[in-house]
């Protein structure tokens, strides 16, 4: 397996963990908050969520490209090996 795939996997896990922590923190903050929300803080949170979602999307696309490339390489290798077996 190419080393780039492992790096991407860790990046995805990091993004997912970060998003889960942020969601848990936000839920805890919402539970503690009794008054009206600060519109600027809400906008900043939404912008941060959007950036995180975009980064996660990019990481997922890269991971998908890596998996497609690996799958194509394995299929080609399998075809070559199958041809060798048929010829023997």
PDB file of N, CA and C in Angstrom:
ATOM      1  N   UNK A   1       0.856  -1.185   0.000  1.00  0.00           N
ATOM      2  CA  UNK A   1       0.000   0.000   0.000  1.00  0.00           C
ATOM      3  C   UNK A   1       0.895   1.238   0.000  1.00  0.00           C
ATOM      4  N   UNK A   2       0.636   2.206  -0.855  1.00  0.00           N
ATOM      5  CA  UNK A   2       1.454   3.413  -0.920  1.00  0.00           C
ATOM      6  C   UNK A   2       1.385   4.194   0.387  1.00  0.00           C
ATOM      7  N   UNK A   3       2.496   4.857   0.692  1.00  0.00           N
ATOM      8  CA  UNK A   3       2.543   5.604   1.952  1.00  0.00           C
ATOM      9  C   UNK A   3       1.558   6.770   1.967  1.00  0.00           C
ATOM     10  N   UNK A   4       1.236   7.350   0.816  1.00  0.00           N
ATOM     11  CA  UNK A   4       0.292   8.462   0.754  1.00  0.00           C
ATOM     12  C   UNK A   4      -1.086   8.087   1.250  1.00  0.00           C
ATOM     13  N   UNK A   5      -1.470   6.828   1.046  1.00  0.00           N
ATOM     14  CA  UNK A   5      -2.778   6.377   1.495  1.00  0.00           C
ATOM     15  C   UNK A   5      -2.836   6.397   3.016  1.00  0.00           C
ATOM     16  N   UNK A   6      -1.775   5.933   3.675  1.00  0.00           N
ATOM     17  CA  UNK A   6      -1.752   5.934   5.131  1.00  0.00           C
ATOM     18  C   UNK A   6      -1.832   7.349   5.677  1.00  0.00           C
ATOM     19  N   UNK A   7      -1.097   8.281   5.066  1.00  0.00           N
ATOM     20  CA  UNK A   7      -1.133   9.671   5.506  1.00  0.00           C
ATOM     21  C   UNK A   7      -2.534  10.241   5.383  1.00  0.00           C
ATOM     22  N   UNK A   8      -3.210   9.950   4.291  1.00  0.00           N
ATOM     23  CA  UNK A   8      -4.563  10.445   4.076  1.00  0.00           C
ATOM     24  C   UNK A   8      -5.510   9.868   5.109  1.00  0.00           C
ATOM     25  N   UNK A   9      -5.330   8.592   5.427  1.00  0.00           N
ATOM     26  CA  UNK A   9      -6.181   7.966   6.428  1.00  0.00           C
ATOM     27  C   UNK A   9      -6.063   8.702   7.751  1.00  0.00           C
ATOM     28  N   UNK A  10      -4.834   9.002   8.158  1.00  0.00           N
ATOM     29  CA  UNK A  10      -4.653   9.724   9.410  1.00  0.00           C
ATOM     30  C   UNK A  10      -5.256  11.121   9.323  1.00  0.00           C
ATOM     31  N   UNK A  11      -5.136  11.768   8.187  1.00  0.00           N
ATOM     32  CA  UNK A  11      -5.738  13.088   8.035  1.00  0.00           C
ATOM     33  C   UNK A  11      -7.248  13.001   8.204  1.00  0.00           C
ATOM     34  N   UNK A  12      -7.871  12.002   7.595  1.00  0.00           N
ATOM     35  CA  UNK A  12      -9.312  11.840   7.721  1.00  0.00           C
ATOM     36  C   UNK A  12      -9.703  11.592   9.166  1.00  0.00           C
ATOM     37  N   UNK A  13      -8.958  10.719   9.836  1.00  0.00           N
ATOM     38  CA  UNK A  13      -9.259  10.440  11.233  1.00  0.00           C
ATOM     39  C   UNK A  13      -9.115  11.698  12.079  1.00  0.00           C
ATOM     40  N   UNK A  14      -8.101  12.507  11.779  1.00  0.00           N
ATOM     41  CA  UNK A  14      -7.906  13.760  12.511  1.00  0.00           C
ATOM     42  C   UNK A  14      -9.072  14.713  12.283  1.00  0.00           C
ATOM     43  N   UNK A  15      -9.521  14.844  11.034  1.00  0.00           N
ATOM     44  CA  UNK A  15     -10.651  15.726  10.731  1.00  0.00           C
ATOM     45  C   UNK A  15     -11.916  15.248  11.432  1.00  0.00           C
ATOM     46  N   UNK A  16     -12.152  13.963  11.362  1.00  0.00           N
ATOM     47  CA  UNK A  16     -13.361  13.419  11.981  1.00  0.00           C
ATOM     48  C   UNK A  16     -13.321  13.631  13.486  1.00  0.00           C
ATOM     49  N   UNK A  17     -12.174  13.354  14.092  1.00  0.00           N
ATOM     50  CA  UNK A  17     -12.033  13.559  15.539  1.00  0.00           C
ATOM     51  C   UNK A  17     -12.248  15.029  15.895  1.00  0.00           C
ATOM     52  N   UNK A  18     -11.644  15.914  15.115  1.00  0.00           N
ATOM     53  CA  UNK A  18     -11.783  17.348  15.378  1.00  0.00           C
ATOM     54  C   UNK A  18     -13.245  17.774  15.265  1.00  0.00           C
ATOM     55  N   UNK A  19     -13.948  17.270  14.261  1.00  0.00           N
ATOM     56  CA  UNK A  19     -15.356  17.629  14.083  1.00  0.00           C
ATOM     57  C   UNK A  19     -16.205  17.090  15.233  1.00  0.00           C
ATOM     58  N   UNK A  20     -15.903  15.865  15.692  1.00  0.00           N
ATOM     59  CA  UNK A  20     -16.651  15.309  16.814  1.00  0.00           C
ATOM     60  C   UNK A  20     -16.421  16.122  18.084  1.00  0.00           C
ATOM     61  N   UNK A  21     -15.176  16.500  18.326  1.00  0.00           N
ATOM     62  CA  UNK A  21     -14.870  17.315  19.509  1.00  0.00           C
ATOM     63  C   UNK A  21     -15.582  18.659  19.439  1.00  0.00           C
ATOM     64  N   UNK A  22     -15.565  19.272  18.265  1.00  0.00           N
ATOM     65  CA  UNK A  22     -16.229  20.566  18.087  1.00  0.00           C
ATOM     66  C   UNK A  22     -17.731  20.425  18.296  1.00  0.00           C
ATOM     67  N   UNK A  23     -18.317  19.350  17.778  1.00  0.00           N
ATOM     68  CA  UNK A  23     -19.753  19.129  17.949  1.00  0.00           C
ATOM     69  C   UNK A  23     -20.091  18.920  19.424  1.00  0.00           C
ATOM     70  N   UNK A  24     -19.266  18.152  20.115  1.00  0.00           N
ATOM     71  CA  UNK A  24     -19.500  17.928  21.545  1.00  0.00           C
ATOM     72  C   UNK A  24     -19.363  19.225  22.333  1.00  0.00           C
ATOM     73  N   UNK A  25     -18.352  20.036  21.987  1.00  0.00           N
ATOM     74  CA  UNK A  25     -18.144  21.302  22.683  1.00  0.00           C
ATOM     75  C   UNK A  25     -19.309  22.250  22.415  1.00  0.00           C
ATOM     76  N   UNK A  26     -19.756  22.299  21.178  1.00  0.00           N
ATOM     77  CA  UNK A  26     -20.865  23.177  20.806  1.00  0.00           C
ATOM     78  C   UNK A  26     -22.140  22.758  21.516  1.00  0.00           C
ATOM     79  N   UNK A  27     -22.382  21.462  21.600  1.00  0.00           N
ATOM     80  CA  UNK A  27     -23.562  20.965  22.295  1.00  0.00           C
ATOM     81  C   UNK A  27     -23.506  21.339  23.768  1.00  0.00           C
ATOM     82  N   UNK A  28     -22.336  21.206  24.368  1.00  0.00           N
ATOM     83  CA  UNK A  28     -22.174  21.574  25.780  1.00  0.00           C
ATOM     84  C   UNK A  28     -22.379  23.074  25.967  1.00  0.00           C
ATOM     85  N   UNK A  29     -21.852  23.876  25.055  1.00  0.00           N
ATOM     86  CA  UNK A  29     -22.026  25.330  25.132  1.00  0.00           C
ATOM     87  C   UNK A  29     -23.494  25.710  24.987  1.00  0.00           C
ATOM     88  N   UNK A  30     -24.209  25.047  24.077  1.00  0.00           N
ATOM     89  CA  UNK A  30     -25.622  25.344  23.865  1.00  0.00           C
ATOM     90  C   UNK A  30     -26.446  24.991  25.096  1.00  0.00           C
ATOM     91  N   UNK A  31     -26.083  23.888  25.765  1.00  0.00           N
ATOM     92  CA  UNK A  31     -26.812  23.478  26.957  1.00  0.00           C
ATOM     93  C   UNK A  31     -26.627  24.481  28.090  1.00  0.00           C
ATOM     94  N   UNK A  32     -25.435  25.080  28.186  1.00  0.00           N
ATOM     95  CA  UNK A  32     -25.137  26.027  29.255  1.00  0.00           C
ATOM     96  C   UNK A  32     -25.726  27.407  28.979  1.00  0.00           C
ATOM     97  N   UNK A  33     -26.001  27.716  27.735  1.00  0.00           N
ATOM     98  CA  UNK A  33     -26.416  29.055  27.337  1.00  0.00           C
ATOM     99  C   UNK A  33     -27.920  29.225  27.522  1.00  0.00           C
ATOM    100  N   UNK A  34     -28.309  30.243  28.308  1.00  0.00           N
ATOM    101  CA  UNK A  34     -29.725  30.515  28.527  1.00  0.00           C
ATOM    102  C   UNK A  34     -30.200  31.729  27.750  1.00  0.00           C
ATOM    103  N   UNK A  35     -29.314  32.675  27.490  1.00  0.00           N
ATOM    104  CA  UNK A  35     -29.680  33.920  26.835  1.00  0.00           C
ATOM    105  C   UNK A  35     -29.618  33.800  25.320  1.00  0.00           C
ATOM    106  N   UNK A  36     -29.862  34.924  24.628  1.00  0.00           N
ATOM    107  CA  UNK A  36     -29.800  34.915  23.163  1.00  0.00           C
ATOM    108  C   UNK A  36     -28.365  34.700  22.678  1.00  0.00           C
ATOM    109  N   UNK A  37     -28.251  34.094  21.519  1.00  0.00           N
ATOM    110  CA  UNK A  37     -26.932  33.827  20.943  1.00  0.00           C
ATOM    111  C   UNK A  37     -26.333  35.098  20.365  1.00  0.00           C
ATOM    112  N   UNK A  38     -25.011  35.144  20.391  1.00  0.00           N
ATOM    113  CA  UNK A  38     -24.269  36.242  19.787  1.00  0.00           C
ATOM    114  C   UNK A  38     -24.198  35.980  18.281  1.00  0.00           C
ATOM    115  N   UNK A  39     -24.773  36.851  17.452  1.00  0.00           N
ATOM    116  CA  UNK A  39     -24.781  36.610  16.002  1.00  0.00           C
ATOM    117  C   UNK A  39     -23.379  36.507  15.404  1.00  0.00           C
ATOM    118  N   UNK A  40     -22.444  37.302  15.905  1.00  0.00           N
ATOM    119  CA  UNK A  40     -21.082  37.246  15.370  1.00  0.00           C
ATOM    120  C   UNK A  40     -20.418  35.919  15.711  1.00  0.00           C
ATOM    121  N   UNK A  41     -20.633  35.435  16.928  1.00  0.00           N
ATOM    122  CA  UNK A  41     -20.061  34.148  17.332  1.00  0.00           C
ATOM    123  C   UNK A  41     -20.695  33.019  16.523  1.00  0.00           C
ATOM    124  N   UNK A  42     -21.996  33.124  16.296  1.00  0.00           N
ATOM    125  CA  UNK A  42     -22.689  32.107  15.505  1.00  0.00           C
ATOM    126  C   UNK A  42     -22.162  32.094  14.069  1.00  0.00           C
ATOM    127  N   UNK A  43     -21.953  33.275  13.490  1.00  0.00           N
ATOM    128  CA  UNK A  43     -21.421  33.372  12.131  1.00  0.00           C
ATOM    129  C   UNK A  43     -20.005  32.802  12.067  1.00  0.00           C
ATOM    130  N   UNK A  44     -19.181  33.129  13.058  1.00  0.00           N
ATOM    131  CA  UNK A  44     -17.808  32.613  13.091  1.00  0.00           C
ATOM    132  C   UNK A  44     -17.811  31.095  13.194  1.00  0.00           C
ATOM    133  N   UNK A  45     -18.717  30.548  14.009  1.00  0.00           N
ATOM    134  CA  UNK A  45     -18.818  29.096  14.148  1.00  0.00           C
ATOM    135  C   UNK A  45     -19.232  28.460  12.828  1.00  0.00           C
ATOM    136  N   UNK A  46     -20.200  29.063  12.164  1.00  0.00           N
ATOM    137  CA  UNK A  46     -20.654  28.522  10.877  1.00  0.00           C
ATOM    138  C   UNK A  46     -19.546  28.582   9.828  1.00  0.00           C
ATOM    139  N   UNK A  47     -18.790  29.671   9.821  1.00  0.00           N
ATOM    140  CA  UNK A  47     -17.673  29.776   8.877  1.00  0.00           C
ATOM    141  C   UNK A  47     -16.625  28.710   9.169  1.00  0.00           C
ATOM    142  N   UNK A  48     -16.336  28.493  10.452  1.00  0.00           N
ATOM    143  CA  UNK A  48     -15.384  27.458  10.847  1.00  0.00           C
ATOM    144  C   UNK A  48     -15.887  26.077  10.424  1.00  0.00           C
ATOM    145  N   UNK A  49     -17.179  25.824  10.639  1.00  0.00           N
ATOM    146  CA  UNK A  49     -17.759  24.542  10.228  1.00  0.00           C
ATOM    147  C   UNK A  49     -17.652  24.355   8.719  1.00  0.00           C
ATOM    148  N   UNK A  50     -17.869  25.428   7.971  1.00  0.00           N
ATOM    149  CA  UNK A  50     -17.785  25.361   6.518  1.00  0.00           C
ATOM    150  C   UNK A  50     -16.363  25.041   6.061  1.00  0.00           C
ATOM    151  N   UNK A  51     -15.386  25.684   6.686  1.00  0.00           N
ATOM    152  CA  UNK A  51     -13.981  25.423   6.347  1.00  0.00           C
ATOM    153  C   UNK A  51     -13.623  23.976   6.670  1.00  0.00           C
ATOM    154  N   UNK A  52     -14.050  23.508   7.837  1.00  0.00           N
ATOM    155  CA  UNK A  52     -13.758  22.123   8.218  1.00  0.00           C
ATOM    156  C   UNK A  52     -14.421  21.142   7.261  1.00  0.00           C
ATOM    157  N   UNK A  53     -15.646  21.426   6.848  1.00  0.00           N
ATOM    158  CA  UNK A  53     -16.342  20.550   5.909  1.00  0.00           C
ATOM    159  C   UNK A  53     -15.636  20.529   4.556  1.00  0.00           C
ATOM    160  N   UNK A  54     -15.153  21.687   4.116  1.00  0.00           N
ATOM    161  CA  UNK A  54     -14.425  21.752   2.846  1.00  0.00           C
ATOM    162  C   UNK A  54     -13.121  20.962   2.931  1.00  0.00           C
ATOM    163  N   UNK A  55     -12.406  21.092   4.041  1.00  0.00           N
ATOM    164  CA  UNK A  55     -11.160  20.347   4.213  1.00  0.00           C
ATOM    165  C   UNK A  55     -11.423  18.848   4.263  1.00  0.00           C
ATOM    166  N   UNK A  56     -12.479  18.457   4.949  1.00  0.00           N
ATOM    167  CA  UNK A  56     -12.840  17.045   5.014  1.00  0.00           C
ATOM    168  C   UNK A  56     -13.212  16.531   3.627  1.00  0.00           C
ATOM    169  N   UNK A  57     -13.963  17.327   2.874  1.00  0.00           N
ATOM    170  CA  UNK A  57     -14.324  16.938   1.512  1.00  0.00           C
ATOM    171  C   UNK A  57     -13.104  16.750   0.632  1.00  0.00           C
ATOM    172  N   UNK A  58     -12.135  17.665   0.736  1.00  0.00           N
ATOM    173  CA  UNK A  58     -10.899  17.530  -0.041  1.00  0.00           C
ATOM    174  C   UNK A  58     -10.145  16.265   0.353  1.00  0.00           C
ATOM    175  N   UNK A  59     -10.076  15.997   1.651  1.00  0.00           N
ATOM    176  CA  UNK A  59      -9.373  14.800   2.117  1.00  0.00           C
ATOM    177  C   UNK A  59     -10.078  13.536   1.633  1.00  0.00           C
ATOM    178  N   UNK A  60     -11.408  13.544   1.637  1.00  0.00           N
ATOM    179  CA  UNK A  60     -12.162  12.390   1.145  1.00  0.00           C
ATOM    180  C   UNK A  60     -11.938  12.177  -0.349  1.00  0.00           C
ATOM    181  N   UNK A  61     -11.915  13.257  -1.115  1.00  0.00           N
ATOM    182  CA  UNK A  61     -11.658  13.136  -2.551  1.00  0.00           C
ATOM    183  C   UNK A  61     -10.267  12.589  -2.822  1.00  0.00           C
ATOM    184  N   UNK A  62      -9.278  13.058  -2.071  1.00  0.00           N
ATOM    185  CA  UNK A  62      -7.915  12.556  -2.236  1.00  0.00           C
ATOM    186  C   UNK A  62      -7.852  11.081  -1.883  1.00  0.00           C
ATOM    187  N   UNK A  63      -8.485  10.706  -0.791  1.00  0.00           N
ATOM    188  CA  UNK A  63      -8.509   9.295  -0.369  1.00  0.00           C
ATOM    189  C   UNK A  63      -9.178   8.454  -1.448  1.00  0.00           C
ATOM    190  N   UNK A  64     -10.255   8.925  -2.011  1.00  0.00           N
ATOM    191  CA  UNK A  64     -10.947   8.199  -3.067  1.00  0.00           C
ATOM    192  C   UNK A  64     -10.046   8.033  -4.287  1.00  0.00           C
ATOM    193  N   UNK A  65      -9.354   9.099  -4.680  1.00  0.00           N
ATOM    194  CA  UNK A  65      -8.427   9.008  -5.813  1.00  0.00           C
ATOM    195  C   UNK A  65      -7.341   7.973  -5.549  1.00  0.00           C
ATOM    196  N   UNK A  66      -6.798   7.974  -4.322  1.00  0.00           N
ATOM    197  CA  UNK A  66      -5.769   6.995  -3.960  1.00  0.00           C
ATOM    198  C   UNK A  66      -6.312   5.571  -4.052  1.00  0.00           C
ATOM    199  N   UNK A  67      -7.521   5.364  -3.558  1.00  0.00           N
ATOM    200  CA  UNK A  67      -8.119   4.031  -3.593  1.00  0.00           C
ATOM    201  C   UNK A  67      -8.410   3.580  -5.018  1.00  0.00           C
ATOM    202  N   UNK A  68      -8.886   4.488  -5.856  1.00  0.00           N
ATOM    203  CA  UNK A  68      -9.145   4.152  -7.260  1.00  0.00           C
ATOM    204  C   UNK A  68      -7.848   3.759  -7.948  1.00  0.00           C
ATOM    205  N   UNK A  69      -6.793   4.535  -7.729  1.00  0.00           N
ATOM    206  CA  UNK A  69      -5.494   4.237  -8.335  1.00  0.00           C
ATOM    207  C   UNK A  69      -4.968   2.881  -7.848  1.00  0.00           C
ATOM    208  N   UNK A  70      -5.057   2.627  -6.543  1.00  0.00           N
ATOM    209  CA  UNK A  70      -4.610   1.345  -5.997  1.00  0.00           C
ATOM    210  C   UNK A  70      -5.415   0.191  -6.580  1.00  0.00           C
ATOM    211  N   UNK A  71      -6.714   0.380  -6.709  1.00  0.00           N
ATOM    212  CA  UNK A  71      -7.578  -0.662  -7.263  1.00  0.00           C
ATOM    213  C   UNK A  71      -7.209  -0.963  -8.714  1.00  0.00           C
ATOM    214  N   UNK A  72      -6.949   0.073  -9.493  1.00  0.00           N
ATOM    215  CA  UNK A  72      -6.556  -0.128 -10.888  1.00  0.00           C
ATOM    216  C   UNK A  72      -5.231  -0.877 -10.978  1.00  0.00           C
ATOM    217  N   UNK A  73      -4.281  -0.525 -10.109  1.00  0.00           N
ATOM    218  CA  UNK A  73      -2.988  -1.213 -10.107  1.00  0.00           C
ATOM    219  C   UNK A  73      -3.152  -2.682  -9.734  1.00  0.00           C
ATOM    220  N   UNK A  74      -3.973  -2.962  -8.734  1.00  0.00           N
ATOM    221  CA  UNK A  74      -4.195  -4.354  -8.335  1.00  0.00           C
ATOM    222  C   UNK A  74      -4.896  -5.139  -9.435  1.00  0.00           C
ATOM    223  N   UNK A  75      -5.846  -4.518 -10.125  1.00  0.00           N
ATOM    224  CA  UNK A  75      -6.548  -5.193 -11.216  1.00  0.00           C
ATOM    225  C   UNK A  75      -5.586  -5.521 -12.351  1.00  0.00           C
ATOM    226  N   UNK A  76      -4.698  -4.591 -12.683  1.00  0.00           N
ATOM    227  CA  UNK A  76      -3.707  -4.843 -13.733  1.00  0.00           C
ATOM    228  C   UNK A  76      -2.757  -5.961 -13.321  1.00  0.00           C
ATOM    229  N   UNK A  77      -2.312  -5.923 -12.073  1.00  0.00           N
ATOM    230  CA  UNK A  77      -1.406  -6.963 -11.576  1.00  0.00           C
ATOM    231  C   UNK A  77      -2.103  -8.323 -11.580  1.00  0.00           C
ATOM    232  N   UNK A  78      -3.343  -8.353 -11.161  1.00  0.00           N
ATOM    233  CA  UNK A  78      -4.110  -9.596 -11.164  1.00  0.00           C
ATOM    234  C   UNK A  78      -4.254 -10.132 -12.584  1.00  0.00           C
ATOM    235  N   UNK A  79      -4.541  -9.252 -13.531  1.00  0.00           N
ATOM    236  CA  UNK A  79      -4.683  -9.675 -14.929  1.00  0.00           C
ATOM    237  C   UNK A  79      -3.384 -10.265 -15.454  1.00  0.00           C
ATOM    238  N   UNK A  80      -2.257  -9.629 -15.135  1.00  0.00           N
ATOM    239  CA  UNK A  80      -0.957 -10.158 -15.571  1.00  0.00           C
ATOM    240  C   UNK A  80      -0.694 -11.529 -14.965  1.00  0.00           C
ATOM    241  N   UNK A  81      -0.958 -11.676 -13.686  1.00  0.00           N
ATOM    242  CA  UNK A  81      -0.729 -12.965 -13.021  1.00  0.00           C
ATOM    243  C   UNK A  81      -1.664 -14.036 -13.559  1.00  0.00           C
ATOM    244  N   UNK A  82      -2.888 -13.669 -13.824  1.00  0.00           N
ATOM    245  CA  UNK A  82      -3.846 -14.623 -14.381  1.00  0.00           C
ATOM    246  C   UNK A  82      -3.397 -15.083 -15.757  1.00  0.00           C
ATOM    247  N   UNK A  83      -2.881 -14.170 -16.561  1.00  0.00           N
ATOM    248  CA  UNK A  83      -2.381 -14.517 -17.892  1.00  0.00           C
ATOM    249  C   UNK A  83      -1.195 -15.474 -17.783  1.00  0.00           C
ATOM    250  N   UNK A  84      -0.306 -15.245 -16.822  1.00  0.00           N
ATOM    251  CA  UNK A  84       0.842 -16.138 -16.618  1.00  0.00           C
ATOM    252  C   UNK A  84       0.357 -17.531 -16.242  1.00  0.00           C
ATOM    253  N   UNK A  85      -0.644 -17.610 -15.375  1.00  0.00           N
ATOM    254  CA  UNK A  85      -1.181 -18.908 -14.964  1.00  0.00           C
ATOM    255  C   UNK A  85      -1.827 -19.610 -16.152  1.00  0.00           C
ATOM    256  N   UNK A  86      -2.543 -18.903 -16.972  1.00  0.00           N
ATOM    257  CA  UNK A  86      -3.197 -19.503 -18.148  1.00  0.00           C
ATOM    258  C   UNK A  86      -2.177 -20.014 -19.154  1.00  0.00           C
ATOM    259  N   UNK A  87      -1.050 -19.308 -19.267  1.00  0.00           N
ATOM    260  CA  UNK A  87      -0.022 -19.720 -20.227  1.00  0.00           C
ATOM    261  C   UNK A  87       0.749 -20.936 -19.744  1.00  0.00           C
ATOM    262  N   UNK A  88       0.764 -21.202 -18.441  1.00  0.00           N
ATOM    263  CA  UNK A  88       1.540 -22.345 -17.956  1.00  0.00           C
ATOM    264  C   UNK A  88       0.780 -23.640 -17.967  1.00  0.00           C
TER     265      UNK A  88
END
